[in-house]
C-alpha atoms as a PDB file:
ATOM      1  CA  MET A   1       0.032  -0.126  -0.090  1.00  0.00           C
ATOM      2  CA  GLU A   2       1.330   3.437  -1.108  1.00  0.00           C
ATOM      3  CA  THR A   3       1.194   6.531   1.134  1.00  0.00           C
ATOM      4  CA  ASP A   4       0.765  10.048   0.070  1.00  0.00           C
ATOM      5  CA  LEU A   5       3.524  11.022   2.644  1.00  0.00           C
ATOM      6  CA  PRO A   6       6.671  12.528   1.033  1.00  0.00           C
ATOM      7  CA  LYS A   7       9.754  10.463   1.543  1.00  0.00           C
ATOM      8  CA  ARG A   8      12.428  12.033   3.492  1.00  0.00           C
ATOM      9  CA  LEU A   9      15.832  11.813   2.077  1.00  0.00           C
ATOM     10  CA  PRO A  10      18.555  11.276   4.660  1.00  0.00           C
ATOM     11  CA  ARG A  11      20.826  14.229   5.319  1.00  0.00           C
ATOM     12  CA  TYR A  12      24.475  13.811   5.320  1.00  0.00           C
ATOM     13  CA  ARG A  13      27.230  15.897   6.553  1.00  0.00           C
ATOM     14  CA  GLN A  14      31.042  15.430   5.907  1.00  0.00           C
ATOM     15  CA  MET A  15      33.777  16.540   8.183  1.00  0.00           C
ATOM     16  CA  ILE A  16      37.453  16.101   8.123  1.00  0.00           C
ATOM     17  CA  LEU A  17      38.750  14.656  11.326  1.00  0.00           C
ATOM     18  CA  THR A  18      42.625  14.880  11.821  1.00  0.00           C
ATOM     19  CA  LEU A  19      44.371  13.201  14.852  1.00  0.00           C
ATOM     20  CA  TRP A  20      48.057  13.493  15.537  1.00  0.00           C
ATOM     21  CA  GLN A  21      50.227  12.803  18.443  1.00  0.00           C
ATOM     22  CA  GLU A  22      52.440  15.566  20.251  1.00  0.00           C
ATOM     23  CA  ASP A  23      55.588  14.406  21.708  1.00  0.00           C
ATOM     24  CA  ALA A  24      55.763  13.978  25.447  1.00  0.00           C
ATOM     25  CA  ARG A  25      56.857  17.142  27.400  1.00  0.00           C
ATOM     26  CA  SER A  26      59.209  15.203  29.516  1.00  0.00           C
ATOM     27  CA  GLN A  27      60.427  11.734  29.677  1.00  0.00           C
ATOM     28  CA  THR A  28      57.971  10.786  32.504  1.00  0.00           C
ATOM     29  CA  SER A  29      54.839  11.874  30.648  1.00  0.00           C
ATOM     30  CA  GLN A  30      53.086  10.215  27.780  1.00  0.00           C
ATOM     31  CA  PRO A  31      52.589  11.685  24.297  1.00  0.00           C
ATOM     32  CA  ARG A  32      49.225  13.351  23.810  1.00  0.00           C
ATOM     33  CA  TRP A  33      46.820  13.067  21.008  1.00  0.00           C
ATOM     34  CA  ARG A  34      45.231  16.117  19.435  1.00  0.00           C
ATOM     35  CA  LEU A  35      42.154  16.484  17.288  1.00  0.00           C
ATOM     36  CA  SER A  36      41.095  18.806  14.661  1.00  0.00           C
ATOM     37  CA  LEU A  37      37.587  18.920  12.868  1.00  0.00           C
ATOM     38  CA  GLN A  38      37.188  20.772   9.679  1.00  0.00           C
ATOM     39  CA  ASN A  39      34.018  21.687   7.839  1.00  0.00           C
ATOM     40  CA  PRO A  40      35.229  21.122   4.042  1.00  0.00           C
ATOM     41  CA  HIS A  41      32.525  23.449   2.668  1.00  0.00           C
ATOM     42  CA  THR A  42      33.276  26.364   4.955  1.00  0.00           C
ATOM     43  CA  ALA A  43      36.851  25.619   5.779  1.00  0.00           C
ATOM     44  CA  GLU A  44      35.975  26.274   9.453  1.00  0.00           C
ATOM     45  CA  ARG A  45      38.415  24.309  11.705  1.00  0.00           C
ATOM     46  CA  THR A  46      38.184  23.547  15.335  1.00  0.00           C
ATOM     47  CA  GLY A  47      40.772  22.132  17.627  1.00  0.00           C
ATOM     48  CA  PHE A  48      40.359  19.779  20.521  1.00  0.00           C
ATOM     49  CA  GLN A  49      42.744  18.608  23.112  1.00  0.00           C
ATOM     50  CA  GLN A  50      40.502  15.569  24.062  1.00  0.00           C
ATOM     51  CA  VAL A  51      37.966  13.370  22.607  1.00  0.00           C
ATOM     52  CA  GLU A  52      35.448  14.396  25.211  1.00  0.00           C
ATOM     53  CA  GLU A  53      35.589  17.876  23.881  1.00  0.00           C
ATOM     54  CA  LEU A  54      35.198  16.683  20.146  1.00  0.00           C
ATOM     55  CA  ALA A  55      32.014  14.697  21.359  1.00  0.00           C
ATOM     56  CA  ALA A  56      30.600  17.724  23.265  1.00  0.00           C
ATOM     57  CA  PHE A  57      31.185  19.940  20.157  1.00  0.00           C
ATOM     58  CA  LEU A  58      29.570  17.362  17.812  1.00  0.00           C
ATOM     59  CA  GLN A  59      26.592  17.067  20.107  1.00  0.00           C
ATOM     60  CA  ALA A  60      26.001  20.766  20.291  1.00  0.00           C
ATOM     61  CA  TRP A  61      26.359  21.021  16.566  1.00  0.00           C
ATOM     62  CA  MET A  62      23.958  18.206  15.713  1.00  0.00           C
ATOM     63  CA  GLU A  63      21.302  19.844  18.023  1.00  0.00           C
ATOM     64  CA  GLU A  64      21.911  23.288  16.451  1.00  0.00           C
ATOM     65  CA  GLN A  65      21.539  21.693  12.985  1.00  0.00           C
ATOM     66  CA  GLY A  66      18.515  19.523  14.105  1.00  0.00           C
ATOM     67  CA  GLY A  67      15.911  21.889  12.657  1.00  0.00           C
ATOM     68  CA  LYS A  68      17.759  23.231   9.609  1.00  0.00           C
ATOM     69  CA  ARG A  69      17.058  21.946   6.175  1.00  0.00           C
ATOM     70  CA  GLU A  70      19.420  22.999   3.397  1.00  0.00           C
END
């Protein structure tokens, strides 16, 4: 049975995630991972020191984008 409801196409967003490891500041400390997220459409880039910061950023971004249609 067909419906008259319009079919919603999935919305996709691409981001470029870059990860790199910085050298330890001393011999007793561990190397640290750094992260950068870039929107290839706007060239906006945001840096993070921890994965949790990236997750919080993405959560806020998705909530902001939730109602927007492009």
